[in-house]
Amino acid sequence: GGRTTYLHSVEGRFTISRDNAKNAMYL
């Protein structure tokens, strides 16, 4: 559903995303 969680030390700097149509994930 798109809910994200982050390691505290990377929050605000890293962004995780996904593209289900492409069967891919990104950071």
PDB file of all heavy atoms in Angstrom:
ATOM      1  N   GLY A   1       0.779  -1.220   0.000  1.00  0.00           N
ATOM      2  CA  GLY A   1       0.000   0.000   0.000  1.00  0.00           C
ATOM      3  C   GLY A   1       0.814   1.274   0.000  1.00  0.00           C
ATOM      4  O   GLY A   1       0.237   2.368  -0.033  1.00  0.00           O
ATOM      5  N   GLY A   2       2.139   1.154   0.057  1.00  0.00           N
ATOM      6  CA  GLY A   2       2.998   2.314  -0.028  1.00  0.00           C
ATOM      7  C   GLY A   2       3.452   2.897   1.298  1.00  0.00           C
ATOM      8  O   GLY A   2       4.112   3.944   1.317  1.00  0.00           O
ATOM      9  N   ARG A   3       3.112   2.249   2.400  1.00  0.00           N
ATOM     10  CA  ARG A   3       3.600   2.730   3.688  1.00  0.00           C
ATOM     11  C   ARG A   3       5.091   2.433   3.812  1.00  0.00           C
ATOM     12  O   ARG A   3       5.535   1.319   3.535  1.00  0.00           O
ATOM     13  CB  ARG A   3       2.838   2.078   4.840  1.00  0.00           C
ATOM     14  CG  ARG A   3       3.285   2.557   6.216  1.00  0.00           C
ATOM     15  CD  ARG A   3       2.505   1.872   7.322  1.00  0.00           C
ATOM     16  NE  ARG A   3       1.116   2.274   7.320  1.00  0.00           N
ATOM     17  CZ  ARG A   3       0.635   3.338   7.947  1.00  0.00           C
ATOM     18  NH1 ARG A   3       1.453   4.120   8.649  1.00  0.00           N
ATOM     19  NH2 ARG A   3      -0.648   3.619   7.886  1.00  0.00           N
ATOM     20  N   THR A   4       5.848   3.417   4.261  1.00  0.00           N
ATOM     21  CA  THR A   4       7.299   3.282   4.336  1.00  0.00           C
ATOM     22  C   THR A   4       7.803   3.405   5.760  1.00  0.00           C
ATOM     23  O   THR A   4       7.200   4.081   6.603  1.00  0.00           O
ATOM     24  CB  THR A   4       8.006   4.333   3.473  1.00  0.00           C
ATOM     25  OG1 THR A   4       7.629   5.647   3.922  1.00  0.00           O
ATOM     26  CG2 THR A   4       7.622   4.178   2.015  1.00  0.00           C
ATOM     27  N   THR A   5       8.902   2.738   6.031  1.00  0.00           N
ATOM     28  CA  THR A   5       9.626   2.881   7.283  1.00  0.00           C
ATOM     29  C   THR A   5      11.100   3.034   6.961  1.00  0.00           C
ATOM     30  O   THR A   5      11.572   2.527   5.941  1.00  0.00           O
ATOM     31  CB  THR A   5       9.426   1.677   8.218  1.00  0.00           C
ATOM     32  OG1 THR A   5       9.877   0.483   7.568  1.00  0.00           O
ATOM     33  CG2 THR A   5       7.962   1.519   8.600  1.00  0.00           C
ATOM     34  N   TYR A   6      11.821   3.733   7.841  1.00  0.00           N
ATOM     35  CA  TYR A   6      13.229   4.013   7.606  1.00  0.00           C
ATOM     36  C   TYR A   6      14.050   3.827   8.868  1.00  0.00           C
ATOM     37  O   TYR A   6      13.581   4.091   9.982  1.00  0.00           O
ATOM     38  CB  TYR A   6      13.426   5.442   7.106  1.00  0.00           C
ATOM     39  CG  TYR A   6      12.825   5.714   5.760  1.00  0.00           C
ATOM     40  CD1 TYR A   6      11.541   6.218   5.641  1.00  0.00           C
ATOM     41  CD2 TYR A   6      13.549   5.455   4.598  1.00  0.00           C
ATOM     42  CE1 TYR A   6      10.984   6.469   4.400  1.00  0.00           C
ATOM     43  CE2 TYR A   6      12.994   5.700   3.358  1.00  0.00           C
ATOM     44  CZ  TYR A   6      11.712   6.207   3.262  1.00  0.00           C
ATOM     45  OH  TYR A   6      11.172   6.454   2.020  1.00  0.00           O
ATOM     46  N   LEU A   7      15.274   3.397   8.671  1.00  0.00           N
ATOM     47  CA  LEU A   7      16.263   3.462   9.726  1.00  0.00           C
ATOM     48  C   LEU A   7      16.405   4.925  10.130  1.00  0.00           C
ATOM     49  O   LEU A   7      16.469   5.815   9.269  1.00  0.00           O
ATOM     50  CB  LEU A   7      17.584   2.903   9.207  1.00  0.00           C
ATOM     51  CG  LEU A   7      18.762   2.814  10.154  1.00  0.00           C
ATOM     52  CD1 LEU A   7      18.509   1.766  11.227  1.00  0.00           C
ATOM     53  CD2 LEU A   7      20.024   2.463   9.364  1.00  0.00           C
ATOM     54  N   HIS A   8      16.452   5.195  11.414  1.00  0.00           N
ATOM     55  CA  HIS A   8      16.462   6.565  11.888  1.00  0.00           C
ATOM     56  C   HIS A   8      17.575   7.399  11.252  1.00  0.00           C
ATOM     57  O   HIS A   8      17.369   8.558  10.892  1.00  0.00           O
ATOM     58  CB  HIS A   8      16.594   6.601  13.411  1.00  0.00           C
ATOM     59  CG  HIS A   8      16.591   7.977  13.989  1.00  0.00           C
ATOM     60  ND1 HIS A   8      15.464   8.759  14.026  1.00  0.00           N
ATOM     61  CD2 HIS A   8      17.591   8.722  14.527  1.00  0.00           C
ATOM     62  CE1 HIS A   8      15.748   9.920  14.568  1.00  0.00           C
ATOM     63  NE2 HIS A   8      17.031   9.922  14.886  1.00  0.00           N
ATOM     64  N   SER A   9      18.748   6.800  11.087  1.00  0.00           N
ATOM     65  CA  SER A   9      19.891   7.550  10.597  1.00  0.00           C
ATOM     66  C   SER A   9      19.778   7.944   9.120  1.00  0.00           C
ATOM     67  O   SER A   9      20.531   8.794   8.655  1.00  0.00           O
ATOM     68  CB  SER A   9      21.185   6.759  10.814  1.00  0.00           C
ATOM     69  OG  SER A   9      21.178   5.548  10.089  1.00  0.00           O
ATOM     70  N   VAL A  10      18.846   7.339   8.383  1.00  0.00           N
ATOM     71  CA  VAL A  10      18.687   7.678   6.968  1.00  0.00           C
ATOM     72  C   VAL A  10      17.392   8.421   6.685  1.00  0.00           C
ATOM     73  O   VAL A  10      17.207   8.939   5.574  1.00  0.00           O
ATOM     74  CB  VAL A  10      18.767   6.431   6.059  1.00  0.00           C
ATOM     75  CG1 VAL A  10      19.998   5.608   6.388  1.00  0.00           C
ATOM     76  CG2 VAL A  10      17.498   5.588   6.155  1.00  0.00           C
ATOM     77  N   GLU A  11      16.503   8.496   7.646  1.00  0.00           N
ATOM     78  CA  GLU A  11      15.217   9.155   7.438  1.00  0.00           C
ATOM     79  C   GLU A  11      15.427  10.621   7.063  1.00  0.00           C
ATOM     80  O   GLU A  11      16.195  11.338   7.694  1.00  0.00           O
ATOM     81  CB  GLU A  11      14.358   9.040   8.689  1.00  0.00           C
ATOM     82  CG  GLU A  11      12.904   9.420   8.476  1.00  0.00           C
ATOM     83  CD  GLU A  11      12.004   8.945   9.589  1.00  0.00           C
ATOM     84  OE1 GLU A  11      12.529   8.650  10.684  1.00  0.00           O
ATOM     85  OE2 GLU A  11      10.789   8.854   9.379  1.00  0.00           O
ATOM     86  N   GLY A  12      14.743  11.033   6.023  1.00  0.00           N
ATOM     87  CA  GLY A  12      14.894  12.389   5.523  1.00  0.00           C
ATOM     88  C   GLY A  12      15.929  12.514   4.429  1.00  0.00           C
ATOM     89  O   GLY A  12      15.939  13.516   3.705  1.00  0.00           O
ATOM     90  N   ARG A  13      16.788  11.529   4.314  1.00  0.00           N
ATOM     91  CA  ARG A  13      17.817  11.528   3.269  1.00  0.00           C
ATOM     92  C   ARG A  13      17.546  10.483   2.195  1.00  0.00           C
ATOM     93  O   ARG A  13      17.853  10.704   1.021  1.00  0.00           O
ATOM     94  CB  ARG A  13      19.200  11.264   3.868  1.00  0.00           C
ATOM     95  CG  ARG A  13      19.649  12.314   4.876  1.00  0.00           C
ATOM     96  CD  ARG A  13      21.109  12.095   5.279  1.00  0.00           C
ATOM     97  NE  ARG A  13      21.308  10.823   5.981  1.00  0.00           N
ATOM     98  CZ  ARG A  13      22.093   9.840   5.556  1.00  0.00           C
ATOM     99  NH1 ARG A  13      22.766   9.965   4.411  1.00  0.00           N
ATOM    100  NH2 ARG A  13      22.224   8.724   6.268  1.00  0.00           N
ATOM    101  N   PHE A  14      16.993   9.344   2.596  1.00  0.00           N
ATOM    102  CA  PHE A  14      16.717   8.244   1.669  1.00  0.00           C
ATOM    103  C   PHE A  14      15.222   8.155   1.401  1.00  0.00           C
ATOM    104  O   PHE A  14      14.397   8.435   2.286  1.00  0.00           O
ATOM    105  CB  PHE A  14      17.174   6.906   2.253  1.00  0.00           C
ATOM    106  CG  PHE A  14      18.664   6.729   2.367  1.00  0.00           C
ATOM    107  CD1 PHE A  14      19.545   7.777   2.156  1.00  0.00           C
ATOM    108  CD2 PHE A  14      19.174   5.484   2.694  1.00  0.00           C
ATOM    109  CE1 PHE A  14      20.918   7.604   2.268  1.00  0.00           C
ATOM    110  CE2 PHE A  14      20.543   5.293   2.807  1.00  0.00           C
ATOM    111  CZ  PHE A  14      21.414   6.350   2.597  1.00  0.00           C
ATOM    112  N   THR A  15      14.872   7.725   0.203  1.00  0.00           N
ATOM    113  CA  THR A  15      13.485   7.498  -0.159  1.00  0.00           C
ATOM    114  C   THR A  15      13.353   6.161  -0.872  1.00  0.00           C
ATOM    115  O   THR A  15      13.999   5.941  -1.895  1.00  0.00           O
ATOM    116  CB  THR A  15      12.940   8.606  -1.076  1.00  0.00           C
ATOM    117  OG1 THR A  15      13.083   9.879  -0.432  1.00  0.00           O
ATOM    118  CG2 THR A  15      11.464   8.364  -1.377  1.00  0.00           C
ATOM    119  N   ILE A  16      12.523   5.283  -0.325  1.00  0.00           N
ATOM    120  CA  ILE A  16      12.249   4.004  -0.956  1.00  0.00           C
ATOM    121  C   ILE A  16      10.987   4.135  -1.802  1.00  0.00           C
ATOM    122  O   ILE A  16      10.040   4.819  -1.413  1.00  0.00           O
ATOM    123  CB  ILE A  16      12.105   2.880   0.101  1.00  0.00           C
ATOM    124  CG1 ILE A  16      11.992   1.510  -0.567  1.00  0.00           C
ATOM    125  CG2 ILE A  16      10.934   3.144   1.029  1.00  0.00           C
ATOM    126  CD1 ILE A  16      12.036   0.347   0.430  1.00  0.00           C
ATOM    127  N   SER A  17      10.978   3.499  -2.948  1.00  0.00           N
ATOM    128  CA  SER A  17       9.817   3.526  -3.820  1.00  0.00           C
ATOM    129  C   SER A  17       9.718   2.209  -4.575  1.00  0.00           C
ATOM    130  O   SER A  17      10.650   1.400  -4.560  1.00  0.00           O
ATOM    131  CB  SER A  17       9.878   4.712  -4.790  1.00  0.00           C
ATOM    132  OG  SER A  17      11.009   4.623  -5.636  1.00  0.00           O
ATOM    133  N   ARG A  18       8.590   2.026  -5.223  1.00  0.00           N
ATOM    134  CA  ARG A  18       8.378   0.786  -5.965  1.00  0.00           C
ATOM    135  C   ARG A  18       7.608   1.073  -7.236  1.00  0.00           C
ATOM    136  O   ARG A  18       6.844   2.040  -7.315  1.00  0.00           O
ATOM    137  CB  ARG A  18       7.630  -0.239  -5.104  1.00  0.00           C
ATOM    138  CG  ARG A  18       6.223   0.197  -4.698  1.00  0.00           C
ATOM    139  CD  ARG A  18       5.677  -0.667  -3.569  1.00  0.00           C
ATOM    140  NE  ARG A  18       5.559  -2.066  -3.974  1.00  0.00           N
ATOM    141  CZ  ARG A  18       5.484  -3.090  -3.127  1.00  0.00           C
ATOM    142  NH1 ARG A  18       5.532  -2.869  -1.818  1.00  0.00           N
ATOM    143  NH2 ARG A  18       5.375  -4.327  -3.581  1.00  0.00           N
ATOM    144  N   ASP A  19       7.799   0.224  -8.225  1.00  0.00           N
ATOM    145  CA  ASP A  19       7.060   0.280  -9.469  1.00  0.00           C
ATOM    146  C   ASP A  19       6.612  -1.147  -9.756  1.00  0.00           C
ATOM    147  O   ASP A  19       7.364  -1.944 -10.310  1.00  0.00           O
ATOM    148  CB  ASP A  19       7.914   0.826 -10.606  1.00  0.00           C
ATOM    149  CG  ASP A  19       7.119   1.055 -11.880  1.00  0.00           C
ATOM    150  OD1 ASP A  19       6.081   0.411 -12.076  1.00  0.00           O
ATOM    151  OD2 ASP A  19       7.551   1.895 -12.692  1.00  0.00           O
ATOM    152  N   ASN A  20       5.392  -1.457  -9.347  1.00  0.00           N
ATOM    153  CA  ASN A  20       4.915  -2.830  -9.462  1.00  0.00           C
ATOM    154  C   ASN A  20       4.798  -3.287 -10.917  1.00  0.00           C
ATOM    155  O   ASN A  20       5.014  -4.460 -11.218  1.00  0.00           O
ATOM    156  CB  ASN A  20       3.565  -2.975  -8.756  1.00  0.00           C
ATOM    157  CG  ASN A  20       3.679  -2.784  -7.261  1.00  0.00           C
ATOM    158  OD1 ASN A  20       4.728  -3.024  -6.663  1.00  0.00           O
ATOM    159  ND2 ASN A  20       2.591  -2.341  -6.637  1.00  0.00           N
ATOM    160  N   ALA A  21       4.452  -2.371 -11.810  1.00  0.00           N
ATOM    161  CA  ALA A  21       4.331  -2.726 -13.220  1.00  0.00           C
ATOM    162  C   ALA A  21       5.660  -3.183 -13.792  1.00  0.00           C
ATOM    163  O   ALA A  21       5.701  -4.007 -14.705  1.00  0.00           O
ATOM    164  CB  ALA A  21       3.778  -1.549 -14.018  1.00  0.00           C
ATOM    165  N   LYS A  22       6.749  -2.625 -13.280  1.00  0.00           N
ATOM    166  CA  LYS A  22       8.087  -2.992 -13.733  1.00  0.00           C
ATOM    167  C   LYS A  22       8.739  -4.041 -12.849  1.00  0.00           C
ATOM    168  O   LYS A  22       9.875  -4.449 -13.121  1.00  0.00           O
ATOM    169  CB  LYS A  22       8.981  -1.763 -13.800  1.00  0.00           C
ATOM    170  CG  LYS A  22       8.551  -0.729 -14.822  1.00  0.00           C
ATOM    171  CD  LYS A  22       9.511   0.447 -14.841  1.00  0.00           C
ATOM    172  CE  LYS A  22       9.111   1.461 -15.894  1.00  0.00           C
ATOM    173  NZ  LYS A  22      10.033   2.623 -15.919  1.00  0.00           N
ATOM    174  N   ASN A  23       8.031  -4.461 -11.795  1.00  0.00           N
ATOM    175  CA  ASN A  23       8.593  -5.411 -10.837  1.00  0.00           C
ATOM    176  C   ASN A  23       9.943  -4.908 -10.321  1.00  0.00           C
ATOM    177  O   ASN A  23      10.946  -5.635 -10.312  1.00  0.00           O
ATOM    178  CB  ASN A  23       8.747  -6.799 -11.461  1.00  0.00           C
ATOM    179  CG  ASN A  23       8.173  -7.900 -10.588  1.00  0.00           C
ATOM    180  OD1 ASN A  23       7.205  -7.704  -9.856  1.00  0.00           O
ATOM    181  ND2 ASN A  23       8.776  -9.083 -10.677  1.00  0.00           N
ATOM    182  N   ALA A  24       9.931  -3.656  -9.897  1.00  0.00           N
ATOM    183  CA  ALA A  24      11.169  -3.011  -9.494  1.00  0.00           C
ATOM    184  C   ALA A  24      10.990  -2.230  -8.201  1.00  0.00           C
ATOM    185  O   ALA A  24       9.885  -1.816  -7.838  1.00  0.00           O
ATOM    186  CB  ALA A  24      11.663  -2.073 -10.591  1.00  0.00           C
ATOM    187  N   MET A  25      12.100  -2.027  -7.516  1.00  0.00           N
ATOM    188  CA  MET A  25      12.145  -1.235  -6.305  1.00  0.00           C
ATOM    189  C   MET A  25      13.374  -0.342  -6.371  1.00  0.00           C
ATOM    190  O   MET A  25      14.391  -0.716  -6.976  1.00  0.00           O
ATOM    191  CB  MET A  25      12.217  -2.143  -5.069  1.00  0.00           C
ATOM    192  CG  MET A  25      12.339  -1.390  -3.751  1.00  0.00           C
ATOM    193  SD  MET A  25      12.371  -2.474  -2.290  1.00  0.00           S
ATOM    194  CE  MET A  25      13.872  -3.413  -2.558  1.00  0.00           C
ATOM    195  N   TYR A  26      13.289   0.815  -5.720  1.00  0.00           N
ATOM    196  CA  TYR A  26      14.361   1.793  -5.806  1.00  0.00           C
ATOM    197  C   TYR A  26      14.685   2.361  -4.430  1.00  0.00           C
ATOM    198  O   TYR A  26      13.862   2.363  -3.519  1.00  0.00           O
ATOM    199  CB  TYR A  26      13.963   2.944  -6.735  1.00  0.00           C
ATOM    200  CG  TYR A  26      13.462   2.478  -8.072  1.00  0.00           C
ATOM    201  CD1 TYR A  26      12.098   2.325  -8.307  1.00  0.00           C
ATOM    202  CD2 TYR A  26      14.348   2.175  -9.095  1.00  0.00           C
ATOM    203  CE1 TYR A  26      11.631   1.882  -9.530  1.00  0.00           C
ATOM    204  CE2 TYR A  26      13.890   1.731 -10.324  1.00  0.00           C
ATOM    205  CZ  TYR A  26      12.532   1.587 -10.535  1.00  0.00           C
ATOM    206  OH  TYR A  26      12.079   1.146 -11.760  1.00  0.00           O
ATOM    207  N   LEU A  27      15.884   2.857  -4.306  1.00  0.00           N
ATOM    208  CA  LEU A  27      16.287   3.589  -3.116  1.00  0.00           C
ATOM    209  C   LEU A  27      17.054   4.822  -3.557  1.00  0.00           C
ATOM    210  O   LEU A  27      18.189   4.721  -4.033  1.00  0.00           O
ATOM    211  CB  LEU A  27      17.153   2.726  -2.197  1.00  0.00           C
ATOM    212  CG  LEU A  27      17.512   3.367  -0.850  1.00  0.00           C
ATOM    213  CD1 LEU A  27      16.260   3.513   0.019  1.00  0.00           C
ATOM    214  CD2 LEU A  27      18.571   2.535  -0.118  1.00  0.00           C
TER     215      LEU A  27
END
